[in-house]
C-alpha atoms as a PDB file:
ATOM      1  CA  MET A   1    -132.076   2.067-212.167  1.00  0.00           C
ATOM      2  CA  ASN A   2    -133.406  -0.865-210.270  1.00  0.00           C
ATOM      3  CA  GLN A   3    -134.931  -0.821-206.752  1.00  0.00           C
ATOM      4  CA  SER A   4    -131.955  -2.293-204.955  1.00  0.00           C
ATOM      5  CA  SER A   5    -129.432   0.125-206.283  1.00  0.00           C
ATOM      6  CA  GLU A   6    -131.618   3.106-205.335  1.00  0.00           C
ATOM      7  CA  ASN A   7    -131.343   2.201-201.668  1.00  0.00           C
ATOM      8  CA  MET A   8    -127.638   1.569-201.526  1.00  0.00           C
ATOM      9  CA  PRO A   9    -125.426   4.373-200.327  1.00  0.00           C
ATOM     10  CA  THR A  10    -123.256   5.982-202.917  1.00  0.00           C
ATOM     11  CA  PHE A  11    -119.387   5.862-203.000  1.00  0.00           C
ATOM     12  CA  PHE A  12    -119.349   9.695-202.547  1.00  0.00           C
ATOM     13  CA  ARG A  13    -121.134  10.450-199.237  1.00  0.00           C
ATOM     14  CA  PHE A  14    -122.288  13.943-200.427  1.00  0.00           C
ATOM     15  CA  GLU A  15    -124.462  12.332-203.050  1.00  0.00           C
ATOM     16  CA  ASP A  16    -126.613  10.948-200.264  1.00  0.00           C
ATOM     17  CA  LEU A  17    -127.334  14.433-198.947  1.00  0.00           C
ATOM     18  CA  ARG A  18    -130.651  16.014-200.013  1.00  0.00           C
ATOM     19  CA  ILE A  19    -129.029  19.560-199.699  1.00  0.00           C
ATOM     20  CA  TYR A  20    -126.534  18.488-202.379  1.00  0.00           C
ATOM     21  CA  HIS A  21    -129.335  17.682-204.814  1.00  0.00           C
ATOM     22  CA  LYS A  22    -131.144  20.872-203.940  1.00  0.00           C
ATOM     23  CA  ALA A  23    -127.938  22.711-204.740  1.00  0.00           C
ATOM     24  CA  LEU A  24    -127.723  20.986-208.130  1.00  0.00           C
ATOM     25  CA  ASP A  25    -131.372  21.880-208.820  1.00  0.00           C
ATOM     26  CA  TYR A  26    -130.481  25.510-208.084  1.00  0.00           C
ATOM     27  CA  VAL A  27    -127.523  25.399-210.405  1.00  0.00           C
ATOM     28  CA  SER A  28    -129.823  24.290-213.150  1.00  0.00           C
ATOM     29  CA  TRP A  29    -132.239  27.067-212.333  1.00  0.00           C
ATOM     30  CA  VAL A  30    -129.553  29.646-212.463  1.00  0.00           C
ATOM     31  CA  GLN A  31    -128.299  28.185-215.778  1.00  0.00           C
ATOM     32  CA  ASP A  32    -131.902  28.465-217.141  1.00  0.00           C
ATOM     33  CA  ILE A  33    -132.499  32.017-216.095  1.00  0.00           C
ATOM     34  CA  SER A  34    -129.041  33.097-217.334  1.00  0.00           C
ATOM     35  CA  ILE A  35    -130.257  32.330-220.832  1.00  0.00           C
ATOM     36  CA  LEU A  36    -132.756  35.173-220.366  1.00  0.00           C
ATOM     37  CA  MET A  37    -129.947  37.646-219.629  1.00  0.00           C
ATOM     38  CA  PRO A  38    -128.441  39.868-222.332  1.00  0.00           C
ATOM     39  CA  ASP A  39    -125.361  38.515-224.086  1.00  0.00           C
ATOM     40  CA  THR A  40    -123.966  42.041-224.159  1.00  0.00           C
ATOM     41  CA  ASP A  41    -123.101  41.912-220.473  1.00  0.00           C
ATOM     42  CA  HIS A  42    -119.490  42.998-220.112  1.00  0.00           C
ATOM     43  CA  THR A  43    -119.526  42.914-216.267  1.00  0.00           C
ATOM     44  CA  GLY A  44    -119.288  39.195-216.087  1.00  0.00           C
ATOM     45  CA  PHE A  45    -122.652  39.098-214.200  1.00  0.00           C
ATOM     46  CA  LYS A  46    -123.911  35.882-215.676  1.00  0.00           C
ATOM     47  CA  LEU A  47    -120.616  34.129-215.227  1.00  0.00           C
ATOM     48  CA  ALA A  48    -120.322  35.242-211.577  1.00  0.00           C
ATOM     49  CA  PHE A  49    -123.924  34.275-210.770  1.00  0.00           C
ATOM     50  CA  ASN A  50    -123.413  30.838-212.283  1.00  0.00           C
ATOM     51  CA  GLN A  51    -120.079  30.388-210.428  1.00  0.00           C
ATOM     52  CA  ALA A  52    -121.704  31.400-207.142  1.00  0.00           C
ATOM     53  CA  SER A  53    -124.488  28.913-207.588  1.00  0.00           C
ATOM     54  CA  ARG A  54    -121.933  26.129-208.318  1.00  0.00           C
ATOM     55  CA  GLU A  55    -120.023  27.090-205.101  1.00  0.00           C
ATOM     56  CA  ILE A  56    -122.901  25.898-203.014  1.00  0.00           C
ATOM     57  CA  ALA A  57    -122.747  22.268-204.408  1.00  0.00           C
ATOM     58  CA  PHE A  58    -118.899  22.372-204.599  1.00  0.00           C
ATOM     59  CA  ASN A  59    -118.487  23.200-200.895  1.00  0.00           C
ATOM     60  CA  ILE A  60    -120.889  20.563-199.820  1.00  0.00           C
ATOM     61  CA  ALA A  61    -119.076  17.961-201.826  1.00  0.00           C
ATOM     62  CA  GLU A  62    -115.590  19.122-200.794  1.00  0.00           C
ATOM     63  CA  GLY A  63    -116.457  19.395-197.090  1.00  0.00           C
ATOM     64  CA  SER A  64    -118.015  15.944-196.880  1.00  0.00           C
ATOM     65  CA  ALA A  65    -114.644  14.361-197.526  1.00  0.00           C
ATOM     66  CA  ARG A  66    -113.112  16.083-194.485  1.00  0.00           C
ATOM     67  CA  ASN A  67    -113.435  15.758-190.689  1.00  0.00           C
ATOM     68  CA  LYS A  68    -116.584  17.246-188.950  1.00  0.00           C
ATOM     69  CA  ALA A  69    -114.971  20.659-188.109  1.00  0.00           C
ATOM     70  CA  GLN A  70    -113.792  21.100-191.762  1.00  0.00           C
ATOM     71  CA  PHE A  71    -117.119  19.883-193.118  1.00  0.00           C
ATOM     72  CA  ILE A  72    -118.895  22.474-190.973  1.00  0.00           C
ATOM     73  CA  TYR A  73    -116.465  25.131-192.267  1.00  0.00           C
ATOM     74  CA  HIS A  74    -117.234  24.191-195.940  1.00  0.00           C
ATOM     75  CA  LEU A  75    -120.952  24.253-195.141  1.00  0.00           C
ATOM     76  CA  LYS A  76    -120.570  27.705-193.814  1.00  0.00           C
ATOM     77  CA  ILE A  77    -118.850  28.689-197.062  1.00  0.00           C
ATOM     78  CA  ALA A  78    -121.817  27.176-198.904  1.00  0.00           C
ATOM     79  CA  LYS A  79    -124.108  29.410-196.871  1.00  0.00           C
ATOM     80  CA  SER A  80    -121.951  32.400-197.921  1.00  0.00           C
ATOM     81  CA  ALA A  81    -122.415  31.423-201.562  1.00  0.00           C
ATOM     82  CA  ILE A  82    -126.133  31.286-200.955  1.00  0.00           C
ATOM     83  CA  ARG A  83    -126.071  34.954-199.736  1.00  0.00           C
ATOM     84  CA  GLN A  84    -124.041  35.842-202.848  1.00  0.00           C
ATOM     85  CA  CYS A  85    -126.726  34.166-204.973  1.00  0.00           C
ATOM     86  CA  LEU A  86    -129.403  36.252-203.174  1.00  0.00           C
ATOM     87  CA  VAL A  87    -127.607  39.410-204.217  1.00  0.00           C
ATOM     88  CA  PHE A  88    -127.325  38.206-207.760  1.00  0.00           C
ATOM     89  CA  THR A  89    -131.019  37.322-207.799  1.00  0.00           C
ATOM     90  CA  SER A  90    -131.944  40.741-206.570  1.00  0.00           C
ATOM     91  CA  LEU A  91    -129.749  42.374-209.136  1.00  0.00           C
ATOM     92  CA  ALA A  92    -131.196  40.215-211.859  1.00  0.00           C
ATOM     93  CA  HIS A  93    -134.699  41.292-210.840  1.00  0.00           C
ATOM     94  CA  ASN A  94    -133.742  45.004-210.484  1.00  0.00           C
ATOM     95  CA  ASN A  95    -132.316  44.929-213.904  1.00  0.00           C
ATOM     96  CA  HIS A  96    -135.499  43.273-215.263  1.00  0.00           C
ATOM     97  CA  TYR A  97    -133.611  40.168-216.321  1.00  0.00           C
ATOM     98  CA  ILE A  98    -136.066  37.990-214.325  1.00  0.00           C
ATOM     99  CA  THR A  99    -139.752  38.358-213.361  1.00  0.00           C
ATOM    100  CA  ASP A 100    -141.234  38.729-209.923  1.00  0.00           C
ATOM    101  CA  GLU A 101    -142.189  35.061-209.973  1.00  0.00           C
ATOM    102  CA  GLN A 102    -138.685  33.996-210.898  1.00  0.00           C
ATOM    103  CA  GLU A 103    -137.215  36.093-208.176  1.00  0.00           C
ATOM    104  CA  ASP A 104    -139.583  34.475-205.611  1.00  0.00           C
ATOM    105  CA  ASN A 105    -138.684  31.140-206.902  1.00  0.00           C
ATOM    106  CA  GLY A 106    -134.976  31.809-206.579  1.00  0.00           C
ATOM    107  CA  ARG A 107    -135.434  33.312-203.112  1.00  0.00           C
ATOM    108  CA  ASN A 108    -137.437  30.386-201.863  1.00  0.00           C
ATOM    109  CA  GLN A 109    -134.854  27.868-203.061  1.00  0.00           C
ATOM    110  CA  LEU A 110    -132.124  29.872-201.335  1.00  0.00           C
ATOM    111  CA  MET A 111    -134.090  29.985-198.112  1.00  0.00           C
ATOM    112  CA  GLU A 112    -134.830  26.307-198.213  1.00  0.00           C
ATOM    113  CA  MET A 113    -131.124  25.494-198.740  1.00  0.00           C
ATOM    114  CA  THR A 114    -130.099  27.927-195.880  1.00  0.00           C
ATOM    115  CA  LYS A 115    -132.447  26.152-193.492  1.00  0.00           C
ATOM    116  CA  MET A 116    -131.121  22.737-194.643  1.00  0.00           C
ATOM    117  CA  LEU A 117    -127.516  23.781-194.267  1.00  0.00           C
ATOM    118  CA  GLY A 118    -128.198  25.238-190.851  1.00  0.00           C
ATOM    119  CA  ALA A 119    -129.865  22.036-189.646  1.00  0.00           C
ATOM    120  CA  LEU A 120    -126.933  20.015-191.076  1.00  0.00           C
ATOM    121  CA  ILE A 121    -124.383  22.235-189.359  1.00  0.00           C
ATOM    122  CA  THR A 122    -126.175  21.977-185.980  1.00  0.00           C
ATOM    123  CA  SER A 123    -126.426  18.219-186.342  1.00  0.00           C
ATOM    124  CA  LEU A 124    -122.682  18.010-187.061  1.00  0.00           C
ATOM    125  CA  GLN A 125    -121.826  20.303-184.195  1.00  0.00           C
ATOM    126  CA  LYS A 126    -123.897  18.296-181.774  1.00  0.00           C
ATOM    127  CA  ALA A 127    -122.233  15.097-182.974  1.00  0.00           C
ATOM    128  CA  ALA A 128    -118.726  16.736-182.575  1.00  0.00           C
ATOM    129  CA  GLU A 129    -119.599  17.854-179.015  1.00  0.00           C
ATOM    130  CA  ALA A 130    -120.955  14.382-178.103  1.00  0.00           C
ATOM    131  CA  SER A 131    -117.817  12.810-179.516  1.00  0.00           C
ATOM    132  CA  GLU A 132    -115.586  15.194-177.467  1.00  0.00           C
ATOM    133  CA  GLN A 133    -117.443  14.381-174.268  1.00  0.00           C
ATOM    134  CA  TYR A 134    -117.046  10.719-174.972  1.00  0.00           C
ATOM    135  CA  ASP A 135    -113.317  11.186-175.552  1.00  0.00           C
ATOM    136  CA  ASP A 136    -113.056  13.242-172.305  1.00  0.00           C
ATOM    137  CA  HIS A 137    -114.557  10.395-170.300  1.00  0.00           C
ATOM    138  CA  ARG A 138    -112.129   7.862-171.752  1.00  0.00           C
ATOM    139  CA  GLN A 139    -109.064   9.732-170.894  1.00  0.00           C
ATOM    140  CA  PRO A 140    -107.135   8.849-167.713  1.00  0.00           C
ATOM    141  CA  PRO A 141    -107.487  11.122-164.761  1.00  0.00           C
ATOM    142  CA  LYS A 142    -104.886  13.906-164.549  1.00  0.00           C
ATOM    143  CA  SER A 143    -102.356  13.493-161.872  1.00  0.00           C
ATOM    144  CA  TYR A 144    -101.136  16.664-160.083  1.00  0.00           C
END
């Protein structure tokens, strides 16, 4: 990829978000550790863990195409998926599917994404409030 195309915004806004790329990295991490889990799992644990990890990225992508309030809603759903992934990570560790180091790695990724999503949500909420205040000032005075 040449230098000029690296600085151009993408067609899909979510691809410009660092949190989206962190979420994709986490999906890859979950896929990699899933290989370590037994194939005899009849509970659907691996499938559910992988699905929860993908929900983080899916909700960031889906919400970015919406208005600010809906984007915030989807980001909050992504945070819920992060909490699900934390439970899956703990269960994987408790069942000795992953090592202490892998659990720490997963937890650290989840904490970082939670902080990033929180900051993005706060930023969007402030922008929405500022926009509402601007709109309130532009409306004609009410007549009684």
